[in-house]
Amino acid sequence: MFTGIIQSLGRVSSANKGRLILERPSGFSALLSGESIAVNGVCLTLERADSKKLFFRLLPETLRATTLGRLKPGQPVHLERALKLGDRLGGHWLLGHVDAQVKLNAVRSAGSSKSLEISFPESLRPFLVAKGPVALDGVSLTVGDSVGKNRFSVHLVAHTLKSTRLGSRRTGDFLNLELDLIVKYLHGILA
C-alpha cells in the first residue's frame, strides 16, 4: 500500500523486453528483493538492486494497462516505497493498481500553481467525485470543481510542481490513473 507522496524521482536506465532498470536514487537504502515499489504509480516487485540500479520485470498486463511500456532511457519517474506499519498517511490509500491510462488535455498556469485537465473513459465516471482523491502517475491529488463529461481537473501547488514531474507534462501526454479505493469498494458493494 502507498500514499501518493512521492519519495524520490528516479531515472530510467533501460526499458525493453519486459524489463525495467532504473538508476538507484540516493536515500533508497536497505532495499530487499521482493519488496513493492511504486513506479509512476504502478506497484512493481523489486527483482534485485545493486549500488547503482533497481531491476524490475514488467508483465504483459502491466505493459498493456499502464504507461510503463512508453518509458525511454533518461526519463524521470516517480518512486515511492510501500508503507510500513506506523508510517504517516500523508496522501490517500493507493494500491498501485492502475485503473486506466488517461490523456492530458490541457495545462493552465495560475501564479505559482498549475491545473491539469484530464480526459478519462466514461466507464470510470461513477468513481470520480468532485473534491475526491485520485492519483496521477502515483501522485495523490484532489479532483477539482469541474468534473465534466469524461473530463476532470486537478490543481498542482508549488510543492507538487517542485517535487514531482507533473508540472513538466504536456498536452497529449498519457498518465496512469488510480481511482479512490474506498469509492471503488463502496460502488462494488452497492452494485
N, C-alpha and C. Protein backbone atom coordinates (compact mmCIF):
# COMPACT_ATOMS: atom_id res chain seq x y z
N MET A 1 0.85 -1.18 0.00
CA MET A 1 0.00 0.00 0.00
C MET A 1 0.89 1.23 0.00
N PHE A 2 0.41 2.27 -0.69
CA PHE A 2 1.16 3.50 -0.86
C PHE A 2 0.29 4.70 -0.46
N THR A 3 0.89 5.90 -0.46
CA THR A 3 0.15 7.09 -0.07
C THR A 3 0.04 8.13 -1.18
N GLY A 4 0.85 8.01 -2.22
CA GLY A 4 0.85 9.02 -3.28
C GLY A 4 1.71 10.22 -2.96
N ILE A 5 2.54 10.10 -1.92
CA ILE A 5 3.52 11.13 -1.60
C ILE A 5 4.86 10.64 -2.17
N ILE A 6 5.30 11.28 -3.23
CA ILE A 6 6.49 10.82 -3.95
C ILE A 6 7.73 11.02 -3.09
N GLN A 7 8.52 9.94 -2.95
CA GLN A 7 9.71 9.99 -2.10
C GLN A 7 10.96 10.37 -2.87
N SER A 8 10.96 10.07 -4.17
CA SER A 8 12.14 10.36 -4.97
C SER A 8 11.78 10.36 -6.45
N LEU A 9 12.57 11.07 -7.22
CA LEU A 9 12.49 10.96 -8.67
C LEU A 9 13.63 10.05 -9.10
N GLY A 10 13.27 8.98 -9.80
CA GLY A 10 14.28 8.09 -10.35
C GLY A 10 14.49 8.42 -11.82
N ARG A 11 15.38 7.69 -12.46
CA ARG A 11 15.63 7.89 -13.88
C ARG A 11 15.74 6.53 -14.54
N VAL A 12 15.12 6.41 -15.72
CA VAL A 12 15.14 5.14 -16.46
C VAL A 12 16.52 4.93 -17.05
N SER A 13 17.09 3.78 -16.74
CA SER A 13 18.35 3.37 -17.35
C SER A 13 18.07 2.62 -18.65
N SER A 14 17.15 1.64 -18.57
CA SER A 14 16.69 0.95 -19.78
C SER A 14 15.30 0.38 -19.55
N ALA A 15 14.56 0.26 -20.64
CA ALA A 15 13.20 -0.27 -20.60
C ALA A 15 12.93 -0.99 -21.91
N ASN A 16 12.98 -2.31 -21.87
CA ASN A 16 12.65 -3.09 -23.07
C ASN A 16 12.48 -4.55 -22.71
N LYS A 17 11.74 -5.26 -23.56
CA LYS A 17 11.52 -6.71 -23.43
C LYS A 17 11.07 -7.11 -22.04
N GLY A 18 10.16 -6.31 -21.46
CA GLY A 18 9.60 -6.67 -20.17
C GLY A 18 10.52 -6.44 -19.00
N ARG A 19 11.59 -5.71 -19.21
CA ARG A 19 12.50 -5.39 -18.11
C ARG A 19 12.59 -3.87 -17.96
N LEU A 20 12.60 -3.43 -16.73
CA LEU A 20 12.77 -2.01 -16.43
C LEU A 20 13.93 -1.89 -15.46
N ILE A 21 14.91 -1.09 -15.84
CA ILE A 21 16.07 -0.85 -14.98
C ILE A 21 16.14 0.65 -14.71
N LEU A 22 16.16 1.00 -13.43
CA LEU A 22 16.21 2.40 -13.01
C LEU A 22 17.54 2.68 -12.33
N GLU A 23 18.01 3.93 -12.47
CA GLU A 23 19.15 4.37 -11.68
C GLU A 23 18.68 4.46 -10.24
N ARG A 24 19.46 3.94 -9.33
CA ARG A 24 19.06 3.93 -7.92
C ARG A 24 19.23 5.33 -7.31
N PRO A 25 18.13 5.91 -6.83
CA PRO A 25 18.24 7.25 -6.23
C PRO A 25 18.86 7.18 -4.84
N SER A 26 19.50 8.28 -4.45
CA SER A 26 20.04 8.34 -3.09
C SER A 26 18.86 8.29 -2.12
N GLY A 27 19.07 7.74 -0.97
CA GLY A 27 18.01 7.63 0.03
C GLY A 27 17.21 6.35 -0.07
N PHE A 28 17.39 5.59 -1.14
CA PHE A 28 16.71 4.30 -1.26
C PHE A 28 17.67 3.23 -0.76
N SER A 29 17.79 3.15 0.57
CA SER A 29 18.72 2.20 1.19
C SER A 29 17.96 1.03 1.78
N ALA A 30 18.69 0.01 2.15
CA ALA A 30 18.13 -1.20 2.79
C ALA A 30 16.99 -1.79 1.97
N LEU A 31 17.16 -1.84 0.65
CA LEU A 31 16.16 -2.44 -0.23
C LEU A 31 16.26 -3.95 -0.17
N LEU A 32 15.10 -4.61 -0.25
CA LEU A 32 15.05 -6.07 -0.23
C LEU A 32 14.43 -6.57 -1.52
N SER A 33 15.02 -7.59 -2.10
CA SER A 33 14.40 -8.22 -3.26
C SER A 33 13.01 -8.69 -2.86
N GLY A 34 12.03 -8.43 -3.72
CA GLY A 34 10.66 -8.82 -3.44
C GLY A 34 9.80 -7.72 -2.84
N GLU A 35 10.41 -6.60 -2.43
CA GLU A 35 9.58 -5.52 -1.86
C GLU A 35 8.86 -4.78 -2.97
N SER A 36 7.77 -4.12 -2.60
CA SER A 36 6.97 -3.36 -3.55
C SER A 36 7.43 -1.91 -3.60
N ILE A 37 7.57 -1.42 -4.83
CA ILE A 37 7.92 -0.02 -5.07
C ILE A 37 6.98 0.48 -6.15
N ALA A 38 6.37 1.64 -5.92
CA ALA A 38 5.51 2.24 -6.94
C ALA A 38 6.38 3.07 -7.88
N VAL A 39 6.27 2.76 -9.16
CA VAL A 39 6.99 3.47 -10.22
C VAL A 39 5.93 4.15 -11.08
N ASN A 40 5.89 5.48 -11.05
CA ASN A 40 4.82 6.24 -11.72
C ASN A 40 3.44 5.70 -11.34
N GLY A 41 3.32 5.31 -10.06
CA GLY A 41 2.04 4.86 -9.55
C GLY A 41 1.71 3.40 -9.77
N VAL A 42 2.63 2.65 -10.37
CA VAL A 42 2.41 1.23 -10.65
C VAL A 42 3.19 0.41 -9.63
N CYS A 43 2.49 -0.43 -8.89
CA CYS A 43 3.14 -1.30 -7.91
C CYS A 43 3.95 -2.35 -8.64
N LEU A 44 5.27 -2.30 -8.44
CA LEU A 44 6.17 -3.29 -9.03
C LEU A 44 6.93 -4.01 -7.94
N THR A 45 7.32 -5.24 -8.22
CA THR A 45 8.13 -6.02 -7.30
C THR A 45 9.59 -5.84 -7.67
N LEU A 46 10.38 -5.42 -6.71
CA LEU A 46 11.82 -5.25 -6.94
C LEU A 46 12.44 -6.63 -7.11
N GLU A 47 12.98 -6.87 -8.29
CA GLU A 47 13.64 -8.15 -8.56
C GLU A 47 14.97 -8.22 -7.83
N ARG A 48 15.75 -7.16 -7.99
CA ARG A 48 17.02 -7.05 -7.27
C ARG A 48 17.51 -5.61 -7.38
N ALA A 49 18.47 -5.28 -6.54
CA ALA A 49 19.07 -3.96 -6.55
C ALA A 49 20.56 -4.11 -6.31
N ASP A 50 21.33 -3.26 -6.96
CA ASP A 50 22.75 -3.17 -6.62
C ASP A 50 23.01 -1.73 -6.20
N SER A 51 24.23 -1.34 -6.06
CA SER A 51 24.53 0.00 -5.55
C SER A 51 24.13 1.11 -6.52
N LYS A 52 23.90 0.77 -7.79
CA LYS A 52 23.60 1.81 -8.78
C LYS A 52 22.27 1.64 -9.50
N LYS A 53 21.65 0.45 -9.45
CA LYS A 53 20.47 0.20 -10.26
C LYS A 53 19.40 -0.57 -9.47
N LEU A 54 18.13 -0.37 -9.94
CA LEU A 54 16.98 -1.14 -9.46
C LEU A 54 16.45 -1.93 -10.65
N PHE A 55 16.16 -3.22 -10.46
CA PHE A 55 15.74 -4.09 -11.55
C PHE A 55 14.32 -4.62 -11.32
N PHE A 56 13.48 -4.48 -12.33
CA PHE A 56 12.09 -4.93 -12.27
C PHE A 56 11.75 -5.70 -13.55
N ARG A 57 10.80 -6.63 -13.44
CA ARG A 57 10.21 -7.28 -14.62
C ARG A 57 8.82 -6.69 -14.80
N LEU A 58 8.43 -6.50 -16.05
CA LEU A 58 7.11 -5.97 -16.36
C LEU A 58 6.32 -7.04 -17.09
N LEU A 59 5.20 -7.44 -16.52
CA LEU A 59 4.33 -8.44 -17.13
C LEU A 59 3.61 -7.84 -18.33
N PRO A 60 3.18 -8.66 -19.29
CA PRO A 60 2.41 -8.14 -20.43
C PRO A 60 1.20 -7.32 -19.99
N GLU A 61 0.51 -7.72 -18.93
CA GLU A 61 -0.66 -6.96 -18.44
C GLU A 61 -0.23 -5.58 -17.95
N THR A 62 0.91 -5.49 -17.29
CA THR A 62 1.42 -4.20 -16.82
C THR A 62 1.72 -3.29 -18.01
N LEU A 63 2.33 -3.84 -19.03
CA LEU A 63 2.65 -3.05 -20.23
C LEU A 63 1.38 -2.60 -20.94
N ARG A 64 0.34 -3.43 -20.92
CA ARG A 64 -0.92 -3.09 -21.58
C ARG A 64 -1.70 -2.03 -20.81
N ALA A 65 -1.76 -2.18 -19.50
CA ALA A 65 -2.66 -1.36 -18.68
C ALA A 65 -2.05 -0.05 -18.18
N THR A 66 -0.74 0.11 -18.30
CA THR A 66 -0.07 1.29 -17.74
C THR A 66 0.77 1.99 -18.81
N THR A 67 1.34 3.10 -18.42
CA THR A 67 2.22 3.85 -19.32
C THR A 67 3.67 3.38 -19.25
N LEU A 68 3.97 2.38 -18.45
CA LEU A 68 5.37 1.97 -18.28
C LEU A 68 5.99 1.47 -19.58
N GLY A 69 5.20 0.95 -20.48
CA GLY A 69 5.72 0.50 -21.77
C GLY A 69 6.16 1.65 -22.66
N ARG A 70 5.81 2.87 -22.31
CA ARG A 70 6.19 4.07 -23.08
C ARG A 70 7.49 4.70 -22.58
N LEU A 71 8.04 4.18 -21.47
CA LEU A 71 9.23 4.80 -20.89
C LEU A 71 10.44 4.66 -21.81
N LYS A 72 11.28 5.69 -21.78
CA LYS A 72 12.51 5.75 -22.57
C LYS A 72 13.69 6.01 -21.65
N PRO A 73 14.88 5.54 -22.01
CA PRO A 73 16.07 5.83 -21.19
C PRO A 73 16.23 7.34 -20.95
N GLY A 74 16.58 7.66 -19.72
CA GLY A 74 16.79 9.05 -19.33
C GLY A 74 15.56 9.72 -18.75
N GLN A 75 14.37 9.15 -18.96
CA GLN A 75 13.15 9.76 -18.44
C GLN A 75 13.10 9.66 -16.92
N PRO A 76 12.62 10.72 -16.25
CA PRO A 76 12.42 10.65 -14.81
C PRO A 76 11.11 9.91 -14.49
N VAL A 77 11.09 9.24 -13.35
CA VAL A 77 9.89 8.54 -12.88
C VAL A 77 9.69 8.83 -11.40
N HIS A 78 8.43 8.79 -10.97
CA HIS A 78 8.09 8.96 -9.55
C HIS A 78 8.32 7.64 -8.84
N LEU A 79 8.92 7.69 -7.66
CA LEU A 79 9.17 6.49 -6.86
C LEU A 79 8.61 6.67 -5.45
N GLU A 80 7.98 5.60 -4.98
CA GLU A 80 7.50 5.56 -3.59
C GLU A 80 7.62 4.13 -3.10
N ARG A 81 8.25 3.97 -1.95
CA ARG A 81 8.31 2.65 -1.31
C ARG A 81 6.99 2.39 -0.58
N ALA A 82 6.68 1.11 -0.40
CA ALA A 82 5.44 0.73 0.28
C ALA A 82 5.46 1.22 1.73
N LEU A 83 4.26 1.48 2.24
CA LEU A 83 4.10 1.89 3.63
C LEU A 83 4.58 0.81 4.59
N LYS A 84 5.14 1.26 5.72
CA LYS A 84 5.43 0.37 6.82
C LYS A 84 4.41 0.66 7.91
N LEU A 85 4.10 -0.32 8.72
CA LEU A 85 3.18 -0.11 9.83
C LEU A 85 3.69 1.03 10.68
N GLY A 86 2.83 2.01 10.94
CA GLY A 86 3.20 3.16 11.75
C GLY A 86 3.62 4.38 10.94
N ASP A 87 3.77 4.24 9.61
CA ASP A 87 4.10 5.40 8.77
C ASP A 87 2.94 6.38 8.73
N ARG A 88 3.25 7.64 8.47
CA ARG A 88 2.22 8.65 8.28
C ARG A 88 1.53 8.41 6.94
N LEU A 89 0.26 8.68 6.91
CA LEU A 89 -0.51 8.59 5.67
C LEU A 89 -0.75 10.02 5.20
N GLY A 90 0.20 10.55 4.43
CA GLY A 90 0.14 11.95 4.05
C GLY A 90 -0.76 12.22 2.85
N GLY A 91 -0.98 11.23 2.01
CA GLY A 91 -1.82 11.42 0.84
C GLY A 91 -3.14 10.70 1.04
N HIS A 92 -3.35 9.62 0.28
CA HIS A 92 -4.50 8.75 0.50
C HIS A 92 -4.09 7.32 0.15
N TRP A 93 -4.92 6.36 0.49
CA TRP A 93 -4.59 4.96 0.26
C TRP A 93 -4.53 4.63 -1.22
N LEU A 94 -3.42 4.08 -1.63
CA LEU A 94 -3.23 3.64 -3.01
C LEU A 94 -2.68 2.23 -3.01
N LEU A 95 -3.08 1.47 -4.01
CA LEU A 95 -2.58 0.10 -4.15
C LEU A 95 -1.52 -0.03 -5.23
N GLY A 96 -1.45 0.96 -6.11
CA GLY A 96 -0.53 0.85 -7.24
C GLY A 96 -1.13 0.02 -8.37
N HIS A 97 -2.46 -0.12 -8.35
CA HIS A 97 -3.19 -0.85 -9.40
C HIS A 97 -3.87 0.19 -10.28
N VAL A 98 -3.33 0.39 -11.46
CA VAL A 98 -3.78 1.45 -12.35
C VAL A 98 -5.14 1.10 -12.95
N ASP A 99 -6.06 2.06 -12.89
CA ASP A 99 -7.40 1.86 -13.45
C ASP A 99 -7.46 2.20 -14.93
N ALA A 100 -6.62 3.12 -15.38
CA ALA A 100 -6.64 3.49 -16.80
C ALA A 100 -5.44 4.38 -17.12
N GLN A 101 -5.07 4.36 -18.39
CA GLN A 101 -4.16 5.38 -18.92
C GLN A 101 -5.06 6.52 -19.39
N VAL A 102 -4.78 7.72 -18.91
CA VAL A 102 -5.62 8.87 -19.26
C VAL A 102 -4.77 9.92 -19.96
N LYS A 103 -5.45 10.76 -20.73
CA LYS A 103 -4.76 11.74 -21.55
C LYS A 103 -4.84 13.13 -20.94
N LEU A 104 -3.72 13.84 -20.96
CA LEU A 104 -3.66 15.22 -20.51
C LEU A 104 -4.14 16.11 -21.66
N ASN A 105 -5.27 16.78 -21.45
CA ASN A 105 -5.88 17.61 -22.49
C ASN A 105 -5.42 19.06 -22.46
N ALA A 106 -5.15 19.58 -21.27
CA ALA A 106 -4.77 20.99 -21.17
C ALA A 106 -3.99 21.22 -19.89
N VAL A 107 -3.07 22.18 -19.97
CA VAL A 107 -2.30 22.64 -18.81
C VAL A 107 -2.52 24.14 -18.71
N ARG A 108 -2.91 24.59 -17.53
CA ARG A 108 -3.15 26.02 -17.32
C ARG A 108 -2.32 26.49 -16.12
N SER A 109 -1.64 27.59 -16.28
CA SER A 109 -0.86 28.17 -15.19
C SER A 109 -1.67 29.26 -14.51
N ALA A 110 -1.51 29.35 -13.19
CA ALA A 110 -2.17 30.40 -12.40
C ALA A 110 -1.22 30.77 -11.27
N GLY A 111 -0.40 31.77 -11.49
CA GLY A 111 0.58 32.17 -10.48
C GLY A 111 1.60 31.07 -10.27
N SER A 112 1.75 30.63 -9.03
CA SER A 112 2.72 29.58 -8.73
C SER A 112 2.12 28.18 -8.80
N SER A 113 0.90 28.07 -9.30
CA SER A 113 0.26 26.76 -9.41
C SER A 113 -0.11 26.47 -10.86
N LYS A 114 -0.51 25.24 -11.11
CA LYS A 114 -0.98 24.83 -12.43
C LYS A 114 -2.21 23.95 -12.25
N SER A 115 -3.03 23.92 -13.29
CA SER A 115 -4.17 22.99 -13.35
C SER A 115 -3.98 22.09 -14.54
N LEU A 116 -4.31 20.82 -14.36
CA LEU A 116 -4.27 19.86 -15.45
C LEU A 116 -5.70 19.41 -15.73
N GLU A 117 -6.08 19.40 -17.01
CA GLU A 117 -7.37 18.85 -17.40
C GLU A 117 -7.13 17.48 -18.02
N ILE A 118 -7.83 16.49 -17.49
CA ILE A 118 -7.63 15.10 -17.85
C ILE A 118 -8.89 14.54 -18.49
N SER A 119 -8.74 13.78 -19.58
CA SER A 119 -9.89 13.04 -20.12
C SER A 119 -9.78 11.59 -19.67
N PHE A 120 -10.93 10.96 -19.44
CA PHE A 120 -10.94 9.60 -18.90
C PHE A 120 -12.06 8.80 -19.56
N PRO A 121 -11.97 7.46 -19.50
CA PRO A 121 -13.03 6.62 -20.08
C PRO A 121 -14.35 6.80 -19.33
N GLU A 122 -15.44 6.85 -20.06
CA GLU A 122 -16.78 7.03 -19.48
C GLU A 122 -17.10 5.96 -18.43
N SER A 123 -16.56 4.77 -18.60
CA SER A 123 -16.84 3.68 -17.65
C SER A 123 -16.34 4.00 -16.23
N LEU A 124 -15.43 4.94 -16.11
CA LEU A 124 -14.90 5.29 -14.79
C LEU A 124 -15.65 6.45 -14.12
N ARG A 125 -16.64 7.01 -14.80
CA ARG A 125 -17.37 8.16 -14.29
C ARG A 125 -17.95 7.97 -12.88
N PRO A 126 -18.51 6.79 -12.56
CA PRO A 126 -19.08 6.63 -11.21
C PRO A 126 -18.06 6.74 -10.07
N PHE A 127 -16.78 6.62 -10.39
CA PHE A 127 -15.75 6.60 -9.36
C PHE A 127 -15.06 7.95 -9.15
N LEU A 128 -15.41 8.93 -9.98
CA LEU A 128 -14.81 10.26 -9.84
C LEU A 128 -15.77 11.19 -9.13
N VAL A 129 -15.31 11.75 -8.03
CA VAL A 129 -16.14 12.60 -7.20
C VAL A 129 -15.44 13.94 -7.05
N ALA A 130 -16.17 15.03 -7.28
CA ALA A 130 -15.58 16.35 -7.07
C ALA A 130 -15.04 16.45 -5.65
N LYS A 131 -13.83 16.96 -5.53
CA LYS A 131 -13.10 17.09 -4.26
C LYS A 131 -12.64 15.75 -3.70
N GLY A 132 -12.82 14.67 -4.47
CA GLY A 132 -12.35 13.36 -4.03
C GLY A 132 -10.92 13.10 -4.46
N PRO A 133 -10.30 12.08 -3.89
CA PRO A 133 -8.91 11.79 -4.22
C PRO A 133 -8.76 10.96 -5.50
N VAL A 134 -7.68 11.24 -6.22
CA VAL A 134 -7.22 10.43 -7.35
C VAL A 134 -5.69 10.44 -7.30
N ALA A 135 -5.10 9.55 -8.06
CA ALA A 135 -3.64 9.57 -8.21
C ALA A 135 -3.33 9.60 -9.70
N LEU A 136 -2.42 10.49 -10.08
CA LEU A 136 -1.91 10.56 -11.45
C LEU A 136 -0.41 10.28 -11.39
N ASP A 137 0.02 9.25 -12.09
CA ASP A 137 1.41 8.80 -12.05
C ASP A 137 1.89 8.62 -10.62
N GLY A 138 0.98 8.17 -9.75
CA GLY A 138 1.33 7.86 -8.37
C GLY A 138 1.28 9.04 -7.42
N VAL A 139 0.90 10.22 -7.90
CA VAL A 139 0.84 11.41 -7.05
C VAL A 139 -0.58 11.59 -6.53
N SER A 140 -0.72 11.66 -5.22
CA SER A 140 -2.02 11.87 -4.59
C SER A 140 -2.49 13.30 -4.86
N LEU A 141 -3.68 13.40 -5.49
CA LEU A 141 -4.24 14.70 -5.86
C LEU A 141 -5.73 14.74 -5.53
N THR A 142 -6.30 15.93 -5.61
CA THR A 142 -7.72 16.12 -5.37
C THR A 142 -8.39 16.55 -6.65
N VAL A 143 -9.51 15.91 -6.98
CA VAL A 143 -10.29 16.29 -8.16
C VAL A 143 -10.80 17.70 -7.93
N GLY A 144 -10.66 18.55 -8.95
CA GLY A 144 -11.11 19.95 -8.86
C GLY A 144 -12.61 20.05 -8.96
N ASP A 145 -13.10 21.26 -8.95
CA ASP A 145 -14.54 21.52 -9.01
C ASP A 145 -15.16 21.00 -10.30
N SER A 146 -14.43 21.08 -11.39
CA SER A 146 -15.03 20.74 -12.68
C SER A 146 -14.87 19.27 -13.01
N VAL A 147 -15.91 18.53 -12.78
CA VAL A 147 -15.96 17.15 -13.23
C VAL A 147 -17.02 17.15 -14.32
N GLY A 148 -16.57 17.20 -15.55
CA GLY A 148 -17.49 17.25 -16.68
C GLY A 148 -17.57 15.92 -17.37
N LYS A 149 -18.23 15.91 -18.50
CA LYS A 149 -18.37 14.68 -19.26
C LYS A 149 -17.00 14.21 -19.72
N ASN A 150 -16.55 13.12 -19.16
CA ASN A 150 -15.27 12.49 -19.50
C ASN A 150 -14.06 13.38 -19.24
N ARG A 151 -14.21 14.40 -18.39
CA ARG A 151 -13.08 15.27 -18.08
C ARG A 151 -13.12 15.67 -16.59
N PHE A 152 -11.93 15.79 -16.02
CA PHE A 152 -11.82 16.36 -14.68
C PHE A 152 -10.52 17.15 -14.62
N SER A 153 -10.41 17.98 -13.59
CA SER A 153 -9.19 18.76 -13.42
C SER A 153 -8.60 18.50 -12.05
N VAL A 154 -7.31 18.72 -11.96
CA VAL A 154 -6.59 18.70 -10.68
C VAL A 154 -5.73 19.96 -10.63
N HIS A 155 -5.46 20.42 -9.43
CA HIS A 155 -4.65 21.62 -9.24
C HIS A 155 -3.35 21.22 -8.57
N LEU A 156 -2.25 21.74 -9.08
CA LEU A 156 -0.93 21.41 -8.56
C LEU A 156 -0.36 22.62 -7.82
N VAL A 157 -0.09 22.44 -6.54
CA VAL A 157 0.51 23.52 -5.74
C VAL A 157 2.02 23.54 -6.00
N ALA A 158 2.67 24.60 -5.53
CA ALA A 158 4.10 24.79 -5.78
C ALA A 158 4.93 23.58 -5.33
N HIS A 159 4.61 23.01 -4.16
CA HIS A 159 5.39 21.86 -3.67
C HIS A 159 5.28 20.67 -4.63
N THR A 160 4.09 20.40 -5.13
CA THR A 160 3.91 19.29 -6.08
C THR A 160 4.67 19.57 -7.37
N LEU A 161 4.66 20.80 -7.83
CA LEU A 161 5.39 21.15 -9.04
C LEU A 161 6.89 20.97 -8.85
N LYS A 162 7.37 21.23 -7.65
CA LYS A 162 8.81 21.12 -7.37
C LYS A 162 9.24 19.67 -7.15
N SER A 163 8.41 18.87 -6.50
CA SER A 163 8.84 17.53 -6.07
C SER A 163 8.39 16.40 -7.00
N THR A 164 7.61 16.72 -8.02
CA THR A 164 7.18 15.70 -8.99
C THR A 164 7.46 16.21 -10.40
N ARG A 165 7.20 15.37 -11.37
CA ARG A 165 7.38 15.80 -12.76
C ARG A 165 6.07 16.18 -13.42
N LEU A 166 4.98 16.26 -12.65
CA LEU A 166 3.69 16.60 -13.24
C LEU A 166 3.69 17.99 -13.88
N GLY A 167 4.43 18.92 -13.32
CA GLY A 167 4.47 20.28 -13.86
C GLY A 167 5.11 20.37 -15.22
N SER A 168 5.91 19.38 -15.59
CA SER A 168 6.57 19.40 -16.90
C SER A 168 5.82 18.57 -17.95
N ARG A 169 4.70 17.99 -17.55
CA ARG A 169 3.93 17.19 -18.52
C ARG A 169 3.25 18.11 -19.51
N ARG A 170 3.03 17.61 -20.73
CA ARG A 170 2.49 18.42 -21.82
C ARG A 170 1.18 17.86 -22.32
N THR A 171 0.41 18.72 -22.96
CA THR A 171 -0.83 18.30 -23.60
C THR A 171 -0.54 17.12 -24.53
N GLY A 172 -1.39 16.09 -24.41
CA GLY A 172 -1.22 14.88 -25.21
C GLY A 172 -0.50 13.76 -24.49
N ASP A 173 0.18 14.06 -23.38
CA ASP A 173 0.85 13.02 -22.60
C ASP A 173 -0.18 12.09 -21.97
N PHE A 174 0.22 10.85 -21.74
CA PHE A 174 -0.62 9.88 -21.05
C PHE A 174 -0.09 9.67 -19.64
N LEU A 175 -1.02 9.52 -18.70
CA LEU A 175 -0.70 9.35 -17.28
C LEU A 175 -1.43 8.12 -16.74
N ASN A 176 -0.87 7.54 -15.69
CA ASN A 176 -1.53 6.43 -15.00
C ASN A 176 -2.52 7.00 -14.00
N LEU A 177 -3.77 6.55 -14.08
CA LEU A 177 -4.81 6.99 -13.16
C LEU A 177 -5.17 5.85 -12.22
N GLU A 178 -5.14 6.15 -10.92
CA GLU A 178 -5.70 5.23 -9.92
C GLU A 178 -6.78 5.98 -9.17
N LEU A 179 -7.96 5.39 -9.16
CA LEU A 179 -9.12 5.98 -8.50
C LEU A 179 -9.12 5.64 -7.02
N ASP A 180 -9.96 6.34 -6.28
CA ASP A 180 -10.04 6.15 -4.83
C ASP A 180 -10.51 4.74 -4.48
N LEU A 181 -9.75 4.07 -3.67
CA LEU A 181 -10.02 2.70 -3.24
C LEU A 181 -11.37 2.58 -2.53
N ILE A 182 -11.67 3.51 -1.65
CA ILE A 182 -12.91 3.44 -0.88
C ILE A 182 -14.13 3.59 -1.79
N VAL A 183 -14.07 4.54 -2.73
CA VAL A 183 -15.18 4.73 -3.68
C VAL A 183 -15.38 3.46 -4.51
N LYS A 184 -14.29 2.84 -4.95
CA LYS A 184 -14.42 1.61 -5.75
C LYS A 184 -15.07 0.49 -4.93
N TYR A 185 -14.67 0.33 -3.67
CA TYR A 185 -15.25 -0.71 -2.84
C TYR A 185 -16.72 -0.44 -2.54
N LEU A 186 -17.06 0.81 -2.23
CA LEU A 186 -18.46 1.15 -1.97
C LEU A 186 -19.31 0.92 -3.21
N HIS A 187 -18.81 1.29 -4.36
CA HIS A 187 -19.53 1.06 -5.61
C HIS A 187 -19.75 -0.43 -5.82
N GLY A 188 -18.73 -1.24 -5.55
CA GLY A 188 -18.86 -2.68 -5.71
C GLY A 188 -19.88 -3.28 -4.76
N ILE A 189 -19.93 -2.79 -3.53
CA ILE A 189 -20.88 -3.30 -2.54
C ILE A 189 -22.31 -2.94 -2.94
N LEU A 190 -22.51 -1.71 -3.43
CA LEU A 190 -23.84 -1.22 -3.76
C LEU A 190 -24.35 -1.74 -5.11
N ALA A 191 -23.44 -2.18 -5.96
CA ALA A 191 -23.83 -2.62 -7.32
C ALA A 191 -24.57 -3.93 -7.31
